[in-house]
């Protein structure tokens, strides 16, 4: 099973995302990626944020889990502690990834725009909207979301 780690990095009512163009599709995903051998999901999440966004982050609790037959994803809260947004040097954002992987662009997505964009997986949208409606309090245990 493919193990992945992603982060929810929120600042000033906006969400850090990776804007993707691939195979004629335009969509957004949370920063993150695969967990390497010997690496914890939390460490992978921090490493991926550095590679994709150019930021150093403190990884908080896992707030959501997405799982299907082929993949298990853990989504962690993260807080910026250093770095400069948009200076990541990972293969995806530096243009070194295979052309079939499409284009990657780090950016900020206003929370008010959640319902009008293709954020994947789509189950993140009601999860984040519920968080806003319930006083911006995160769950005490990870919530299972549809992958």
Foldseek 3Di string as FASTA:
>chain_A
DWEKEFEFEDDPQKTKWKWFAAPNDTAIEGFITTADPPGDSQRRHQVRCCQQFVFGWDWADFAAWEDDPPYIYTYTYIYTDDGDTFPHNHCQAVVNDDCNRGHIGIDIGRLVCLVPGHYPPNQVNVVVVVCVVVPVDGDPDHYYTYD
